[in-house]
C-alpha atoms as a PDB file:
ATOM      1  CA  MET A   1     120.912  56.873-191.054  1.00  0.00           C
ATOM      2  CA  THR A   2     122.129  55.263-188.172  1.00  0.00           C
ATOM      3  CA  GLU A   3     119.016  52.826-188.064  1.00  0.00           C
ATOM      4  CA  GLU A   4     119.305  51.978-191.765  1.00  0.00           C
ATOM      5  CA  ILE A   5     122.944  50.321-191.346  1.00  0.00           C
ATOM      6  CA  GLU A   6     121.781  48.700-188.405  1.00  0.00           C
ATOM      7  CA  GLN A   7     118.965  46.953-190.791  1.00  0.00           C
ATOM      8  CA  ASN A   8     121.534  46.064-192.875  1.00  0.00           C
ATOM      9  CA  ASN A   9     123.711  44.420-190.886  1.00  0.00           C
ATOM     10  CA  GLN A  10     121.189  43.059-189.400  1.00  0.00           C
ATOM     11  CA  ALA A  11     120.333  41.589-192.949  1.00  0.00           C
ATOM     12  CA  GLY A  12     123.273  40.622-193.152  1.00  0.00           C
ATOM     13  CA  GLN A  13     124.054  37.787-190.390  1.00  0.00           C
ATOM     14  CA  PRO A  14     121.980  35.460-191.867  1.00  0.00           C
ATOM     15  CA  ARG A  15     123.878  34.983-194.893  1.00  0.00           C
ATOM     16  CA  LYS A  16     127.291  34.971-193.039  1.00  0.00           C
ATOM     17  CA  LEU A  17     125.829  32.145-190.927  1.00  0.00           C
ATOM     18  CA  VAL A  18     124.543  30.429-193.945  1.00  0.00           C
ATOM     19  CA  LYS A  19     128.416  31.169-195.442  1.00  0.00           C
ATOM     20  CA  THR A  20     129.775  29.569-192.078  1.00  0.00           C
ATOM     21  CA  LEU A  21     127.264  26.325-192.191  1.00  0.00           C
ATOM     22  CA  ALA A  22     128.110  25.378-195.482  1.00  0.00           C
ATOM     23  CA  LEU A  23     131.833  26.039-195.302  1.00  0.00           C
ATOM     24  CA  SER A  24     131.805  23.902-192.162  1.00  0.00           C
ATOM     25  CA  PHE A  25     129.274  21.340-193.935  1.00  0.00           C
ATOM     26  CA  ALA A  26     132.567  20.964-197.039  1.00  0.00           C
ATOM     27  CA  CYS A  27     135.114  20.645-194.594  1.00  0.00           C
ATOM     28  CA  LEU A  28     133.455  17.449-192.876  1.00  0.00           C
ATOM     29  CA  ALA A  29     132.643  16.340-195.934  1.00  0.00           C
ATOM     30  CA  THR A  30     135.844  16.906-197.163  1.00  0.00           C
ATOM     31  CA  LEU A  31     137.471  14.970-194.295  1.00  0.00           C
ATOM     32  CA  CYS A  32     134.536  12.007-194.096  1.00  0.00           C
ATOM     33  CA  GLY A  33     135.621  11.571-198.160  1.00  0.00           C
ATOM     34  CA  THR A  34     139.215  11.126-196.661  1.00  0.00           C
ATOM     35  CA  LEU A  35     138.571   8.736-193.792  1.00  0.00           C
ATOM     36  CA  ILE A  36     137.272   6.734-196.001  1.00  0.00           C
ATOM     37  CA  ILE A  37     140.203   6.937-198.624  1.00  0.00           C
ATOM     38  CA  THR A  38     142.537   6.220-196.150  1.00  0.00           C
ATOM     39  CA  LEU A  39     140.138   3.144-195.114  1.00  0.00           C
ATOM     40  CA  ARG A  40     140.268   1.363-197.802  1.00  0.00           C
ATOM     41  CA  SER A  41     143.744   1.915-198.802  1.00  0.00           C
ATOM     42  CA  GLU A  42     145.888  -1.122-198.417  1.00  0.00           C
ATOM     43  CA  LEU A  43     147.716   1.880-195.692  1.00  0.00           C
ATOM     44  CA  LEU A  44     144.967  -0.391-192.832  1.00  0.00           C
ATOM     45  CA  ASP A  45     145.249  -4.010-194.322  1.00  0.00           C
ATOM     46  CA  VAL A  46     147.176  -6.598-192.202  1.00  0.00           C
ATOM     47  CA  ASP A  47     150.841  -7.019-194.011  1.00  0.00           C
ATOM     48  CA  GLN A  48     152.350  -8.993-191.372  1.00  0.00           C
ATOM     49  CA  ILE A  49     151.256 -11.699-189.076  1.00  0.00           C
ATOM     50  CA  GLU A  50     153.802 -12.905-185.921  1.00  0.00           C
ATOM     51  CA  ILE A  51     153.275 -15.818-184.359  1.00  0.00           C
ATOM     52  CA  ARG A  52     154.541 -16.523-180.745  1.00  0.00           C
ATOM     53  CA  GLY A  53     155.215 -19.100-178.319  1.00  0.00           C
ATOM     54  CA  LEU A  54     154.858 -22.064-180.644  1.00  0.00           C
ATOM     55  CA  THR A  55     156.813 -25.178-179.923  1.00  0.00           C
ATOM     56  CA  ARG A  56     154.808 -28.554-181.844  1.00  0.00           C
ATOM     57  CA  LEU A  57     152.392 -26.505-183.690  1.00  0.00           C
ATOM     58  CA  THR A  58     153.066 -24.956-187.069  1.00  0.00           C
ATOM     59  CA  PHE A  59     152.407 -21.194-188.618  1.00  0.00           C
ATOM     60  CA  ASN A  60     150.462 -23.035-191.390  1.00  0.00           C
ATOM     61  CA  GLU A  61     148.567 -24.588-188.194  1.00  0.00           C
ATOM     62  CA  ILE A  62     147.752 -21.226-185.886  1.00  0.00           C
ATOM     63  CA  VAL A  63     147.281 -19.239-189.466  1.00  0.00           C
ATOM     64  CA  ASN A  64     144.819 -21.635-191.123  1.00  0.00           C
ATOM     65  CA  SER A  65     142.658 -21.493-188.224  1.00  0.00           C
ATOM     66  CA  LEU A  66     142.081 -17.200-187.890  1.00  0.00           C
ATOM     67  CA  GLU A  67     139.422 -16.028-188.975  1.00  0.00           C
ATOM     68  CA  PHE A  68     141.112 -13.478-191.738  1.00  0.00           C
ATOM     69  CA  GLU A  69     143.814 -14.137-193.979  1.00  0.00           C
ATOM     70  CA  MET A  70     146.359 -11.351-195.347  1.00  0.00           C
ATOM     71  CA  ASN A  71     145.573  -7.976-196.984  1.00  0.00           C
ATOM     72  CA  SER A  72     142.319  -8.270-195.124  1.00  0.00           C
ATOM     73  CA  ARG A  73     141.083  -4.556-193.692  1.00  0.00           C
ATOM     74  CA  LEU A  74     142.389  -3.515-189.816  1.00  0.00           C
ATOM     75  CA  PHE A  75     138.879  -2.358-189.236  1.00  0.00           C
ATOM     76  CA  GLY A  76     136.633  -5.385-188.608  1.00  0.00           C
ATOM     77  CA  LEU A  77     139.549  -7.727-188.102  1.00  0.00           C
ATOM     78  CA  LYS A  78     137.524 -10.651-186.578  1.00  0.00           C
ATOM     79  CA  ILE A  79     139.389 -10.847-183.502  1.00  0.00           C
ATOM     80  CA  SER A  80     137.124 -12.422-180.837  1.00  0.00           C
ATOM     81  CA  GLU A  81     135.940 -14.949-183.472  1.00  0.00           C
ATOM     82  CA  SER A  82     140.343 -16.515-184.514  1.00  0.00           C
ATOM     83  CA  GLU A  83     141.035 -16.514-180.654  1.00  0.00           C
ATOM     84  CA  GLU A  84     137.941 -18.589-179.989  1.00  0.00           C
ATOM     85  CA  ALA A  85     139.073 -20.614-183.248  1.00  0.00           C
ATOM     86  CA  LEU A  86     142.399 -21.293-181.807  1.00  0.00           C
ATOM     87  CA  THR A  87     141.541 -22.065-178.361  1.00  0.00           C
ATOM     88  CA  ASN A  88     139.261 -24.919-180.285  1.00  0.00           C
ATOM     89  CA  LEU A  89     143.190 -26.937-182.148  1.00  0.00           C
ATOM     90  CA  PRO A  90     143.850 -29.147-179.436  1.00  0.00           C
ATOM     91  CA  TRP A  91     146.872 -28.021-178.586  1.00  0.00           C
ATOM     92  CA  VAL A  92     146.118 -24.377-177.762  1.00  0.00           C
ATOM     93  CA  GLU A  93     145.556 -23.489-174.168  1.00  0.00           C
ATOM     94  CA  ILE A  94     145.227 -19.926-174.372  1.00  0.00           C
ATOM     95  CA  ALA A  95     145.667 -17.339-177.896  1.00  0.00           C
ATOM     96  CA  HIS A  96     145.667 -13.610-177.553  1.00  0.00           C
ATOM     97  CA  VAL A  97     145.486 -11.901-180.727  1.00  0.00           C
ATOM     98  CA  ASP A  98     146.805  -8.432-181.039  1.00  0.00           C
ATOM     99  CA  ARG A  99     146.235  -5.706-183.801  1.00  0.00           C
ATOM    100  CA  SER A 100     148.657  -2.454-184.024  1.00  0.00           C
ATOM    101  CA  TRP A 101     147.748  -0.404-187.065  1.00  0.00           C
ATOM    102  CA  SER A 102     150.653  -0.208-188.685  1.00  0.00           C
ATOM    103  CA  GLY A 103     149.838  -2.814-189.845  1.00  0.00           C
ATOM    104  CA  LEU A 104     151.421  -5.855-187.915  1.00  0.00           C
ATOM    105  CA  VAL A 105     149.030  -8.847-186.171  1.00  0.00           C
ATOM    106  CA  ILE A 106     150.992 -10.147-183.064  1.00  0.00           C
ATOM    107  CA  VAL A 107     149.558 -14.430-182.341  1.00  0.00           C
ATOM    108  CA  ASN A 108     150.449 -15.121-178.567  1.00  0.00           C
ATOM    109  CA  VAL A 109     149.792 -18.736-178.303  1.00  0.00           C
ATOM    110  CA  ARG A 110     150.073 -20.994-174.876  1.00  0.00           C
ATOM    111  CA  GLU A 111     149.965 -24.481-175.812  1.00  0.00           C
ATOM    112  CA  ARG A 112     149.118 -27.297-173.838  1.00  0.00           C
ATOM    113  CA  ARG A 113     151.506 -28.959-172.127  1.00  0.00           C
ATOM    114  CA  PRO A 114     151.490 -33.122-172.100  1.00  0.00           C
ATOM    115  CA  ILE A 115     151.317 -34.919-168.715  1.00  0.00           C
ATOM    116  CA  GLY A 116     150.397 -38.373-169.369  1.00  0.00           C
ATOM    117  CA  LEU A 117     149.202 -41.302-172.046  1.00  0.00           C
ATOM    118  CA  ALA A 118     145.580 -42.103-171.433  1.00  0.00           C
ATOM    119  CA  LEU A 119     143.912 -45.365-173.254  1.00  0.00           C
ATOM    120  CA  SER A 120     141.414 -44.843-176.327  1.00  0.00           C
ATOM    121  CA  ALA A 121     141.334 -48.206-177.150  1.00  0.00           C
ATOM    122  CA  PRO A 122     142.920 -51.855-176.350  1.00  0.00           C
ATOM    123  CA  SER A 123     146.777 -50.778-176.636  1.00  0.00           C
ATOM    124  CA  LYS A 124     146.226 -47.699-178.202  1.00  0.00           C
ATOM    125  CA  TRP A 125     147.554 -44.914-175.950  1.00  0.00           C
ATOM    126  CA  VAL A 126     147.102 -41.091-176.478  1.00  0.00           C
ATOM    127  CA  LEU A 127     148.596 -37.744-175.347  1.00  0.00           C
ATOM    128  CA  VAL A 128     146.688 -35.697-172.822  1.00  0.00           C
ATOM    129  CA  ASP A 129     147.262 -32.602-170.453  1.00  0.00           C
ATOM    130  CA  ARG A 130     146.724 -31.668-166.642  1.00  0.00           C
ATOM    131  CA  ASN A 131     143.169 -30.391-167.851  1.00  0.00           C
ATOM    132  CA  ARG A 132     141.814 -33.624-168.773  1.00  0.00           C
ATOM    133  CA  ALA A 133     142.534 -32.466-172.907  1.00  0.00           C
ATOM    134  CA  VAL A 134     143.018 -35.192-175.948  1.00  0.00           C
ATOM    135  CA  LEU A 135     145.575 -33.763-177.639  1.00  0.00           C
ATOM    136  CA  THR A 136     146.154 -36.515-179.956  1.00  0.00           C
ATOM    137  CA  GLY A 137     144.951 -39.401-181.429  1.00  0.00           C
ATOM    138  CA  PRO A 138     146.481 -42.558-181.240  1.00  0.00           C
ATOM    139  CA  LEU A 139     150.811 -43.068-181.149  1.00  0.00           C
ATOM    140  CA  ALA A 140     153.233 -45.586-183.020  1.00  0.00           C
ATOM    141  CA  ASN A 141     155.193 -44.700-180.333  1.00  0.00           C
ATOM    142  CA  PRO A 142     153.957 -43.101-177.138  1.00  0.00           C
ATOM    143  CA  GLY A 143     156.943 -42.795-175.216  1.00  0.00           C
ATOM    144  CA  SER A 144     157.797 -42.712-171.938  1.00  0.00           C
ATOM    145  CA  TYR A 145     155.248 -40.256-170.384  1.00  0.00           C
ATOM    146  CA  PRO A 146     153.117 -42.105-167.234  1.00  0.00           C
ATOM    147  CA  ARG A 147     150.563 -44.204-168.306  1.00  0.00           C
ATOM    148  CA  LEU A 148     146.777 -43.063-167.329  1.00  0.00           C
ATOM    149  CA  SER A 149     144.293 -46.752-166.493  1.00  0.00           C
ATOM    150  CA  GLY A 150     141.389 -47.723-164.422  1.00  0.00           C
ATOM    151  CA  VAL A 151     139.689 -44.597-165.681  1.00  0.00           C
ATOM    152  CA  ARG A 152     137.280 -44.105-169.065  1.00  0.00           C
ATOM    153  CA  ALA A 153     138.962 -43.970-172.226  1.00  0.00           C
ATOM    154  CA  ALA A 154     139.700 -41.413-174.210  1.00  0.00           C
ATOM    155  CA  SER A 155     137.661 -40.288-176.898  1.00  0.00           C
ATOM    156  CA  GLU A 156     138.854 -37.489-180.217  1.00  0.00           C
ATOM    157  CA  PRO A 157     141.705 -34.545-180.004  1.00  0.00           C
ATOM    158  CA  GLY A 158     140.060 -31.934-178.242  1.00  0.00           C
ATOM    159  CA  THR A 159     137.559 -33.472-176.190  1.00  0.00           C
ATOM    160  CA  PHE A 160     138.575 -34.380-172.533  1.00  0.00           C
ATOM    161  CA  LEU A 161     138.842 -36.998-170.616  1.00  0.00           C
ATOM    162  CA  GLU A 162     136.233 -38.153-168.004  1.00  0.00           C
ATOM    163  CA  GLU A 163     136.178 -36.149-164.445  1.00  0.00           C
ATOM    164  CA  ASP A 164     137.538 -39.664-163.203  1.00  0.00           C
ATOM    165  CA  SER A 165     140.853 -38.552-164.524  1.00  0.00           C
ATOM    166  CA  GLY A 166     140.854 -35.430-162.542  1.00  0.00           C
ATOM    167  CA  ALA A 167     142.446 -36.879-159.452  1.00  0.00           C
ATOM    168  CA  LEU A 168     145.167 -39.264-161.384  1.00  0.00           C
ATOM    169  CA  LEU A 169     146.091 -35.854-163.351  1.00  0.00           C
ATOM    170  CA  ALA A 170     146.292 -33.368-160.212  1.00  0.00           C
ATOM    171  CA  ILE A 171     148.785 -36.119-158.820  1.00  0.00           C
ATOM    172  CA  LEU A 172     151.126 -35.913-161.731  1.00  0.00           C
ATOM    173  CA  GLU A 173     151.170 -32.291-161.910  1.00  0.00           C
ATOM    174  CA  ALA A 174     151.595 -31.953-158.188  1.00  0.00           C
ATOM    175  CA  VAL A 175     154.444 -34.129-157.451  1.00  0.00           C
ATOM    176  CA  PRO A 176     158.321 -33.371-157.626  1.00  0.00           C
ATOM    177  CA  HIS A 177     159.918 -33.466-161.168  1.00  0.00           C
ATOM    178  CA  GLU A 178     161.719 -36.336-160.135  1.00  0.00           C
ATOM    179  CA  LEU A 179     159.487 -38.443-158.907  1.00  0.00           C
ATOM    180  CA  TYR A 180     157.168 -37.091-161.723  1.00  0.00           C
ATOM    181  CA  GLU A 181     159.914 -38.997-163.948  1.00  0.00           C
ATOM    182  CA  ASN A 182     159.814 -41.859-162.136  1.00  0.00           C
ATOM    183  CA  ILE A 183     156.201 -42.471-162.262  1.00  0.00           C
ATOM    184  CA  GLU A 184     155.271 -45.323-164.993  1.00  0.00           C
ATOM    185  CA  ALA A 185     151.728 -45.325-164.378  1.00  0.00           C
ATOM    186  CA  ILE A 186     148.969 -44.456-162.254  1.00  0.00           C
ATOM    187  CA  TYR A 187     145.716 -46.419-162.259  1.00  0.00           C
ATOM    188  CA  ARG A 188     142.339 -46.686-160.644  1.00  0.00           C
ATOM    189  CA  ASP A 189     142.103 -50.079-158.972  1.00  0.00           C
ATOM    190  CA  SER A 190     139.338 -52.229-158.782  1.00  0.00           C
ATOM    191  CA  ARG A 191     137.625 -50.280-155.551  1.00  0.00           C
ATOM    192  CA  SER A 192     139.111 -46.983-157.321  1.00  0.00           C
ATOM    193  CA  ASP A 193     141.350 -45.797-155.151  1.00  0.00           C
ATOM    194  CA  ILE A 194     144.289 -44.725-156.529  1.00  0.00           C
ATOM    195  CA  ARG A 195     147.676 -46.815-157.058  1.00  0.00           C
ATOM    196  CA  ILE A 196     151.453 -45.756-158.509  1.00  0.00           C
ATOM    197  CA  ARG A 197     153.738 -47.725-159.773  1.00  0.00           C
ATOM    198  CA  LEU A 198     157.621 -46.345-160.162  1.00  0.00           C
ATOM    199  CA  ARG A 199     160.032 -47.100-163.044  1.00  0.00           C
ATOM    200  CA  THR A 200     162.236 -48.089-159.873  1.00  0.00           C
ATOM    201  CA  GLY A 201     159.911 -50.826-158.871  1.00  0.00           C
ATOM    202  CA  GLU A 202     158.286 -49.531-155.639  1.00  0.00           C
ATOM    203  CA  ASN A 203     154.139 -49.454-155.320  1.00  0.00           C
ATOM    204  CA  ILE A 204     152.282 -46.715-153.939  1.00  0.00           C
ATOM    205  CA  ALA A 205     148.858 -46.520-152.841  1.00  0.00           C
ATOM    206  CA  MET A 206     147.496 -43.287-152.287  1.00  0.00           C
ATOM    207  CA  GLY A 207     143.751 -44.026-151.376  1.00  0.00           C
ATOM    208  CA  ASP A 208     140.684 -42.479-152.617  1.00  0.00           C
ATOM    209  CA  ASP A 209     140.497 -38.827-153.794  1.00  0.00           C
ATOM    210  CA  SER A 210     141.035 -36.860-150.199  1.00  0.00           C
ATOM    211  CA  ARG A 211     143.786 -34.575-148.673  1.00  0.00           C
ATOM    212  CA  LEU A 212     146.079 -35.274-152.324  1.00  0.00           C
ATOM    213  CA  GLY A 213     148.089 -32.250-151.676  1.00  0.00           C
ATOM    214  CA  ALA A 214     148.834 -33.864-147.978  1.00  0.00           C
ATOM    215  CA  LYS A 215     149.670 -37.392-149.892  1.00  0.00           C
ATOM    216  CA  VAL A 216     151.399 -35.710-152.161  1.00  0.00           C
ATOM    217  CA  ALA A 217     153.475 -34.302-149.991  1.00  0.00           C
ATOM    218  CA  SER A 218     154.088 -38.026-147.589  1.00  0.00           C
ATOM    219  CA  LEU A 219     154.671 -40.015-150.534  1.00  0.00           C
ATOM    220  CA  ALA A 220     157.747 -37.402-151.569  1.00  0.00           C
ATOM    221  CA  THR A 221     159.160 -37.678-148.304  1.00  0.00           C
ATOM    222  CA  MET A 222     158.349 -42.027-148.106  1.00  0.00           C
ATOM    223  CA  VAL A 223     160.099 -42.163-151.777  1.00  0.00           C
ATOM    224  CA  LEU A 224     163.197 -40.780-150.666  1.00  0.00           C
ATOM    225  CA  ALA A 225     163.380 -42.715-147.662  1.00  0.00           C
ATOM    226  CA  VAL A 226     163.223 -46.025-148.747  1.00  0.00           C
ATOM    227  CA  GLN A 227     165.717 -45.125-152.085  1.00  0.00           C
ATOM    228  CA  GLU A 228     168.083 -44.125-149.285  1.00  0.00           C
ATOM    229  CA  GLU A 229     167.581 -47.680-147.840  1.00  0.00           C
ATOM    230  CA  GLU A 230     167.390 -49.158-150.701  1.00  0.00           C
ATOM    231  CA  LEU A 231     165.032 -50.703-149.947  1.00  0.00           C
ATOM    232  CA  ARG A 232     163.232 -52.975-153.396  1.00  0.00           C
ATOM    233  CA  GLU A 233     159.940 -54.527-154.115  1.00  0.00           C
ATOM    234  CA  VAL A 234     157.543 -52.155-151.133  1.00  0.00           C
ATOM    235  CA  ILE A 235     154.835 -50.745-151.549  1.00  0.00           C
ATOM    236  CA  ILE A 236     154.341 -47.743-149.966  1.00  0.00           C
ATOM    237  CA  ASP A 237     151.270 -46.628-148.584  1.00  0.00           C
ATOM    238  CA  VAL A 238     150.322 -43.375-147.715  1.00  0.00           C
ATOM    239  CA  SER A 239     146.537 -43.686-147.673  1.00  0.00           C
ATOM    240  CA  VAL A 240     146.960 -41.805-144.554  1.00  0.00           C
ATOM    241  CA  PRO A 241     148.905 -39.305-145.179  1.00  0.00           C
ATOM    242  CA  ASP A 242     149.917 -38.605-141.450  1.00  0.00           C
ATOM    243  CA  LEU A 243     150.213 -42.412-140.844  1.00  0.00           C
ATOM    244  CA  PRO A 244     152.503 -43.417-143.852  1.00  0.00           C
ATOM    245  CA  VAL A 245     153.431 -46.969-144.002  1.00  0.00           C
ATOM    246  CA  VAL A 246     156.004 -49.069-145.824  1.00  0.00           C
ATOM    247  CA  ARG A 247     155.719 -52.981-146.136  1.00  0.00           C
ATOM    248  CA  PRO A 248     156.831 -55.734-148.485  1.00  0.00           C
ATOM    249  CA  ARG A 249     154.938 -56.870-151.824  1.00  0.00           C
ATOM    250  CA  SER A 250     153.345 -59.903-151.120  1.00  0.00           C
END
């Protein structure tokens, strides 16, 4: 009798296993079906786009450059492609796109800061930033930014100036704000040495591209000394930053 009961139990075990597996597959199928329905529902769509960091660019300019739009699926959203497309805009230096499963997409943008004007053609000035990026086409009213010359001409917006302008832009980035505001022009002369013309009349000889940090520090000190002594129409020579010289302009 005992042997017969054991045989019945052994025979019933495979049936229980089959039932358990069938139930598990049914639960899994239900879960997958629910997930698919959720993914296709409006709960996981882009419901709102928030853009931060805009100063010159408009909301529409940013949105139109994204590789997705409102009501796009959050899954498979083209994040990296959108960031790359945004940084192709002349004014965008850095772009970062974040999505939230609530349906909110946040676009953080850091715009380029114009630092000077460069020639694109005779009497045609365009804005450039510290990294040599060309930000605009020719401007009808260029404004009072320092003007670069004696370097290769600028091309279209979104391109970069040639490397010969790099030292000039580095100087504009490094000088104190008060001195920057006083710079009318910065240029390379016929020997490719760097020179600066101030709005207050002083001319500065910077020499070649070497030791720019030391030259900027020496220049800032010498300009203050010259202005305190009310000297006019002079040349401040910091080409040897340890031995700066002030001489009358001939």
